[in-house]
Amino acid sequence: MARKHPKHGPYEDPAQEDDQVPSVAPCWLCGRTLGKAIVWHHPVPKSRGGREVVPMHPICQQTLIANFTNSELQRHALDVDAILAAPNMRKFVDWVDKKDPDFNASPSKKQR
């Protein structure tokens, strides 16, 4: 019969170990802490060869997609400042800054 625990050394209960969840970086777009729902977004769309992913709030990703085409996202790549230079995006980030991390609403129609 196999042993449940090693022969030498004390038994360590995995339930008693640190219950710390690895922290995820803040939202790539707005910089707020992330809530329960996290979207892993490709700043450069996969259809344009993007491989990197960044954590975002669902509402932030929906707003980004509603305001930029894939070509524009490819041009901006990982430059958040260039994206926030757009008046619609700056207005959104300023508005959502006061909201709860798990806040979600349906985005406005595409502004492209």
N, C-alpha and C. Protein backbone atom coordinates (compact mmCIF):
# COMPACT_ATOMS: atom_id res chain seq x y z
N MET A 1 0.83 -1.17 0.00
CA MET A 1 0.00 0.00 0.00
C MET A 1 0.89 1.25 0.00
N ALA A 2 0.54 2.25 -0.80
CA ALA A 2 1.33 3.48 -0.92
C ALA A 2 1.05 4.40 0.26
N ARG A 3 2.04 5.14 0.64
CA ARG A 3 1.88 6.09 1.74
C ARG A 3 1.23 7.37 1.24
N LYS A 4 0.41 7.94 2.08
CA LYS A 4 -0.20 9.23 1.76
C LYS A 4 0.77 10.38 1.98
N HIS A 5 1.68 10.19 2.92
CA HIS A 5 2.59 11.26 3.30
C HIS A 5 4.02 10.74 3.21
N PRO A 6 4.98 11.64 3.00
CA PRO A 6 6.37 11.20 2.94
C PRO A 6 6.80 10.58 4.28
N LYS A 7 7.74 9.67 4.18
CA LYS A 7 8.21 8.97 5.37
C LYS A 7 8.94 9.92 6.32
N HIS A 8 9.66 10.85 5.75
CA HIS A 8 10.44 11.78 6.57
C HIS A 8 9.87 13.18 6.44
N GLY A 9 9.92 13.93 7.51
CA GLY A 9 9.44 15.31 7.49
C GLY A 9 8.01 15.39 7.99
N PRO A 10 7.63 16.54 8.46
CA PRO A 10 6.29 16.71 9.02
C PRO A 10 5.22 16.74 7.92
N TYR A 11 4.03 16.38 8.32
CA TYR A 11 2.89 16.43 7.41
C TYR A 11 2.48 17.89 7.25
N GLU A 12 2.35 18.32 6.03
CA GLU A 12 1.92 19.70 5.77
C GLU A 12 0.55 19.66 5.14
N ASP A 13 -0.39 20.29 5.80
CA ASP A 13 -1.75 20.35 5.29
C ASP A 13 -1.84 21.46 4.25
N PRO A 14 -2.14 21.12 2.98
CA PRO A 14 -2.20 22.17 1.96
C PRO A 14 -3.30 23.20 2.22
N ALA A 15 -4.33 22.85 2.97
CA ALA A 15 -5.39 23.79 3.28
C ALA A 15 -4.92 24.88 4.24
N GLN A 16 -3.85 24.61 5.00
CA GLN A 16 -3.36 25.58 5.96
C GLN A 16 -2.28 26.47 5.37
N GLU A 17 -1.86 26.22 4.16
CA GLU A 17 -0.85 27.06 3.54
C GLU A 17 -1.47 28.41 3.23
N ASP A 18 -0.64 29.35 2.87
CA ASP A 18 -1.14 30.69 2.55
C ASP A 18 -2.24 30.60 1.50
N ASP A 19 -3.36 31.23 1.81
CA ASP A 19 -4.48 31.24 0.89
C ASP A 19 -4.42 32.46 -0.03
N GLN A 20 -3.24 32.96 -0.26
CA GLN A 20 -3.10 34.13 -1.11
C GLN A 20 -3.22 33.73 -2.57
N VAL A 21 -4.07 34.46 -3.24
CA VAL A 21 -4.25 34.25 -4.66
C VAL A 21 -3.22 35.12 -5.37
N PRO A 22 -2.57 34.60 -6.41
CA PRO A 22 -1.58 35.43 -7.09
C PRO A 22 -2.24 36.70 -7.63
N SER A 23 -1.61 37.81 -7.39
CA SER A 23 -2.22 39.07 -7.81
C SER A 23 -2.04 39.28 -9.31
N VAL A 24 -3.07 39.85 -9.89
CA VAL A 24 -3.04 40.16 -11.30
C VAL A 24 -2.83 41.66 -11.41
N ALA A 25 -2.14 42.08 -12.42
CA ALA A 25 -1.88 43.50 -12.63
C ALA A 25 -3.21 44.25 -12.76
N PRO A 26 -3.20 45.55 -12.55
CA PRO A 26 -4.44 46.31 -12.73
C PRO A 26 -4.88 46.31 -14.19
N CYS A 27 -6.07 46.80 -14.41
CA CYS A 27 -6.62 46.86 -15.77
C CYS A 27 -5.66 47.63 -16.67
N TRP A 28 -5.40 47.08 -17.82
CA TRP A 28 -4.45 47.67 -18.77
C TRP A 28 -4.92 49.03 -19.26
N LEU A 29 -6.21 49.21 -19.42
CA LEU A 29 -6.73 50.46 -19.99
C LEU A 29 -6.96 51.53 -18.93
N CYS A 30 -7.72 51.21 -17.89
CA CYS A 30 -8.12 52.25 -16.92
C CYS A 30 -7.22 52.30 -15.69
N GLY A 31 -6.48 51.23 -15.41
CA GLY A 31 -5.57 51.22 -14.27
C GLY A 31 -6.23 50.90 -12.94
N ARG A 32 -7.56 50.65 -12.93
CA ARG A 32 -8.23 50.29 -11.68
C ARG A 32 -7.92 48.84 -11.33
N THR A 33 -8.12 48.48 -10.07
CA THR A 33 -7.94 47.09 -9.69
C THR A 33 -9.02 46.25 -10.36
N LEU A 34 -8.69 45.02 -10.65
CA LEU A 34 -9.63 44.14 -11.32
C LEU A 34 -10.57 43.49 -10.33
N GLY A 35 -11.77 43.18 -10.78
CA GLY A 35 -12.77 42.52 -9.95
C GLY A 35 -12.75 41.03 -10.20
N LYS A 36 -13.91 40.40 -10.05
CA LYS A 36 -14.02 38.96 -10.25
C LYS A 36 -13.92 38.58 -11.72
N ALA A 37 -14.49 39.41 -12.58
CA ALA A 37 -14.46 39.12 -14.02
C ALA A 37 -13.25 39.79 -14.65
N ILE A 38 -12.40 38.97 -15.25
CA ILE A 38 -11.21 39.48 -15.92
C ILE A 38 -11.24 38.98 -17.36
N VAL A 39 -10.99 39.89 -18.29
CA VAL A 39 -10.91 39.53 -19.70
C VAL A 39 -9.44 39.65 -20.10
N TRP A 40 -8.93 38.64 -20.77
CA TRP A 40 -7.56 38.68 -21.27
C TRP A 40 -7.63 39.13 -22.72
N HIS A 41 -7.24 40.38 -22.94
CA HIS A 41 -7.40 41.06 -24.23
C HIS A 41 -6.09 41.08 -25.00
N HIS A 42 -6.17 40.91 -26.31
CA HIS A 42 -5.01 41.06 -27.20
C HIS A 42 -4.95 42.52 -27.66
N PRO A 43 -4.00 43.32 -27.17
CA PRO A 43 -3.91 44.72 -27.61
C PRO A 43 -3.73 44.82 -29.13
N VAL A 44 -2.90 43.97 -29.68
CA VAL A 44 -2.81 43.82 -31.13
C VAL A 44 -3.69 42.62 -31.45
N PRO A 45 -4.74 42.82 -32.24
CA PRO A 45 -5.67 41.71 -32.50
C PRO A 45 -4.97 40.47 -33.03
N LYS A 46 -5.50 39.31 -32.65
CA LYS A 46 -4.93 38.04 -33.11
C LYS A 46 -4.92 37.97 -34.62
N SER A 47 -5.94 38.55 -35.26
CA SER A 47 -6.00 38.53 -36.72
C SER A 47 -4.89 39.35 -37.35
N ARG A 48 -4.25 40.21 -36.56
CA ARG A 48 -3.14 41.04 -37.04
C ARG A 48 -1.80 40.57 -36.48
N GLY A 49 -1.76 39.35 -35.96
CA GLY A 49 -0.51 38.78 -35.47
C GLY A 49 -0.23 39.01 -34.00
N GLY A 50 -1.18 39.53 -33.26
CA GLY A 50 -0.97 39.80 -31.84
C GLY A 50 -0.90 38.51 -31.03
N ARG A 51 0.05 38.45 -30.13
CA ARG A 51 0.21 37.28 -29.26
C ARG A 51 0.10 37.64 -27.79
N GLU A 52 0.50 38.85 -27.44
CA GLU A 52 0.47 39.26 -26.03
C GLU A 52 -0.96 39.49 -25.58
N VAL A 53 -1.22 39.20 -24.30
CA VAL A 53 -2.53 39.47 -23.71
C VAL A 53 -2.34 40.32 -22.45
N VAL A 54 -3.33 41.14 -22.19
CA VAL A 54 -3.30 42.00 -21.01
C VAL A 54 -4.63 41.86 -20.28
N PRO A 55 -4.63 41.99 -18.94
CA PRO A 55 -5.89 41.89 -18.19
C PRO A 55 -6.69 43.19 -18.28
N MET A 56 -8.00 43.02 -18.45
CA MET A 56 -8.88 44.18 -18.54
C MET A 56 -10.23 43.87 -17.89
N HIS A 57 -10.95 44.92 -17.53
CA HIS A 57 -12.35 44.78 -17.12
C HIS A 57 -13.15 44.50 -18.39
N PRO A 58 -14.23 43.72 -18.29
CA PRO A 58 -15.06 43.49 -19.48
C PRO A 58 -15.59 44.78 -20.10
N ILE A 59 -15.99 45.75 -19.26
CA ILE A 59 -16.53 47.00 -19.79
C ILE A 59 -15.46 47.80 -20.52
N CYS A 60 -14.23 47.73 -20.04
CA CYS A 60 -13.14 48.45 -20.69
C CYS A 60 -12.85 47.83 -22.07
N GLN A 61 -12.84 46.51 -22.13
CA GLN A 61 -12.59 45.86 -23.41
C GLN A 61 -13.72 46.15 -24.40
N GLN A 62 -14.97 46.10 -23.93
CA GLN A 62 -16.10 46.38 -24.81
C GLN A 62 -16.04 47.79 -25.37
N THR A 63 -15.67 48.74 -24.54
CA THR A 63 -15.58 50.13 -24.98
C THR A 63 -14.44 50.31 -25.96
N LEU A 64 -13.32 49.67 -25.70
CA LEU A 64 -12.17 49.74 -26.61
C LEU A 64 -12.54 49.21 -27.98
N ILE A 65 -13.19 48.06 -28.02
CA ILE A 65 -13.58 47.44 -29.29
C ILE A 65 -14.63 48.29 -30.01
N ALA A 66 -15.49 48.96 -29.25
CA ALA A 66 -16.53 49.79 -29.86
C ALA A 66 -15.97 51.06 -30.48
N ASN A 67 -14.79 51.48 -30.05
CA ASN A 67 -14.24 52.75 -30.51
C ASN A 67 -13.08 52.63 -31.49
N PHE A 68 -12.50 51.44 -31.64
CA PHE A 68 -11.34 51.28 -32.52
C PHE A 68 -11.52 50.08 -33.43
N THR A 69 -11.03 50.21 -34.64
CA THR A 69 -11.01 49.08 -35.57
C THR A 69 -9.77 48.25 -35.28
N ASN A 70 -9.70 47.06 -35.87
CA ASN A 70 -8.51 46.22 -35.69
C ASN A 70 -7.26 46.91 -36.24
N SER A 71 -7.40 47.62 -37.34
CA SER A 71 -6.25 48.33 -37.91
C SER A 71 -5.74 49.41 -36.96
N GLU A 72 -6.66 50.14 -36.33
CA GLU A 72 -6.25 51.18 -35.39
C GLU A 72 -5.60 50.57 -34.16
N LEU A 73 -6.15 49.46 -33.68
CA LEU A 73 -5.55 48.79 -32.52
C LEU A 73 -4.16 48.27 -32.85
N GLN A 74 -3.97 47.79 -34.07
CA GLN A 74 -2.65 47.31 -34.48
C GLN A 74 -1.66 48.47 -34.50
N ARG A 75 -2.09 49.63 -34.98
CA ARG A 75 -1.21 50.80 -35.02
C ARG A 75 -0.81 51.26 -33.62
N HIS A 76 -1.77 51.25 -32.68
CA HIS A 76 -1.48 51.70 -31.32
C HIS A 76 -0.74 50.65 -30.51
N ALA A 77 -0.94 49.38 -30.84
CA ALA A 77 -0.31 48.24 -30.16
C ALA A 77 -0.45 48.36 -28.64
N LEU A 78 0.64 48.44 -27.92
CA LEU A 78 0.61 48.46 -26.45
C LEU A 78 0.67 49.88 -25.88
N ASP A 79 0.50 50.90 -26.73
CA ASP A 79 0.58 52.29 -26.29
C ASP A 79 -0.76 52.77 -25.75
N VAL A 80 -0.97 52.63 -24.44
CA VAL A 80 -2.22 53.02 -23.81
C VAL A 80 -2.43 54.52 -23.93
N ASP A 81 -1.36 55.29 -23.84
CA ASP A 81 -1.49 56.75 -23.92
C ASP A 81 -2.07 57.19 -25.26
N ALA A 82 -1.69 56.52 -26.33
CA ALA A 82 -2.23 56.85 -27.65
C ALA A 82 -3.73 56.53 -27.71
N ILE A 83 -4.12 55.44 -27.09
CA ILE A 83 -5.55 55.08 -27.06
C ILE A 83 -6.33 56.09 -26.22
N LEU A 84 -5.76 56.48 -25.09
CA LEU A 84 -6.44 57.43 -24.21
C LEU A 84 -6.45 58.85 -24.77
N ALA A 85 -5.69 59.11 -25.82
CA ALA A 85 -5.70 60.42 -26.46
C ALA A 85 -7.01 60.65 -27.20
N ALA A 86 -7.71 59.58 -27.56
CA ALA A 86 -9.01 59.70 -28.22
C ALA A 86 -10.01 60.26 -27.21
N PRO A 87 -10.75 61.31 -27.58
CA PRO A 87 -11.67 61.94 -26.61
C PRO A 87 -12.69 60.98 -26.01
N ASN A 88 -13.24 60.07 -26.82
CA ASN A 88 -14.24 59.12 -26.29
C ASN A 88 -13.64 58.22 -25.23
N MET A 89 -12.41 57.78 -25.44
CA MET A 89 -11.77 56.88 -24.49
C MET A 89 -11.39 57.61 -23.21
N ARG A 90 -10.88 58.82 -23.33
CA ARG A 90 -10.52 59.60 -22.13
C ARG A 90 -11.76 59.88 -21.29
N LYS A 91 -12.85 60.22 -21.96
CA LYS A 91 -14.11 60.49 -21.26
C LYS A 91 -14.60 59.23 -20.54
N PHE A 92 -14.50 58.07 -21.21
CA PHE A 92 -14.92 56.81 -20.60
C PHE A 92 -14.07 56.48 -19.38
N VAL A 93 -12.76 56.57 -19.50
CA VAL A 93 -11.87 56.21 -18.39
C VAL A 93 -12.10 57.13 -17.20
N ASP A 94 -12.31 58.42 -17.45
CA ASP A 94 -12.60 59.34 -16.35
C ASP A 94 -13.92 58.98 -15.67
N TRP A 95 -14.91 58.56 -16.45
CA TRP A 95 -16.22 58.19 -15.91
C TRP A 95 -16.14 56.89 -15.12
N VAL A 96 -15.48 55.88 -15.67
CA VAL A 96 -15.46 54.56 -15.04
C VAL A 96 -14.53 54.52 -13.83
N ASP A 97 -13.68 55.51 -13.68
CA ASP A 97 -12.73 55.56 -12.57
C ASP A 97 -13.44 55.54 -11.22
N LYS A 98 -14.64 56.06 -11.17
CA LYS A 98 -15.38 56.14 -9.90
C LYS A 98 -16.25 54.91 -9.65
N LYS A 99 -16.24 53.95 -10.54
CA LYS A 99 -17.11 52.78 -10.45
C LYS A 99 -16.42 51.63 -9.72
N ASP A 100 -17.24 50.71 -9.23
CA ASP A 100 -16.77 49.49 -8.58
C ASP A 100 -16.02 48.62 -9.60
N PRO A 101 -14.99 47.86 -9.20
CA PRO A 101 -14.26 47.02 -10.15
C PRO A 101 -15.14 46.01 -10.90
N ASP A 102 -16.23 45.57 -10.30
CA ASP A 102 -17.11 44.61 -10.97
C ASP A 102 -18.26 45.29 -11.71
N PHE A 103 -18.25 46.62 -11.81
CA PHE A 103 -19.30 47.33 -12.53
C PHE A 103 -19.28 46.94 -13.99
N ASN A 104 -20.48 46.72 -14.54
CA ASN A 104 -20.58 46.40 -15.95
C ASN A 104 -21.86 47.01 -16.49
N ALA A 105 -21.83 47.48 -17.70
CA ALA A 105 -22.98 48.06 -18.37
C ALA A 105 -22.83 47.77 -19.85
N SER A 106 -23.93 47.84 -20.55
CA SER A 106 -23.84 47.61 -21.99
C SER A 106 -23.17 48.84 -22.62
N PRO A 107 -22.22 48.59 -23.52
CA PRO A 107 -21.52 49.72 -24.11
C PRO A 107 -22.41 50.45 -25.11
N SER A 108 -22.07 51.69 -25.36
CA SER A 108 -22.80 52.43 -26.39
C SER A 108 -22.48 51.83 -27.75
N LYS A 109 -23.28 52.18 -28.74
CA LYS A 109 -23.04 51.60 -30.05
C LYS A 109 -21.70 52.06 -30.60
N LYS A 110 -21.20 51.35 -31.58
CA LYS A 110 -19.86 51.61 -32.11
C LYS A 110 -19.74 53.02 -32.62
N GLN A 111 -18.63 53.66 -32.25
CA GLN A 111 -18.39 55.04 -32.61
C GLN A 111 -17.48 55.20 -33.82
N ARG A 112 -17.07 54.11 -34.40
CA ARG A 112 -16.09 54.15 -35.49
C ARG A 112 -16.54 55.02 -36.57
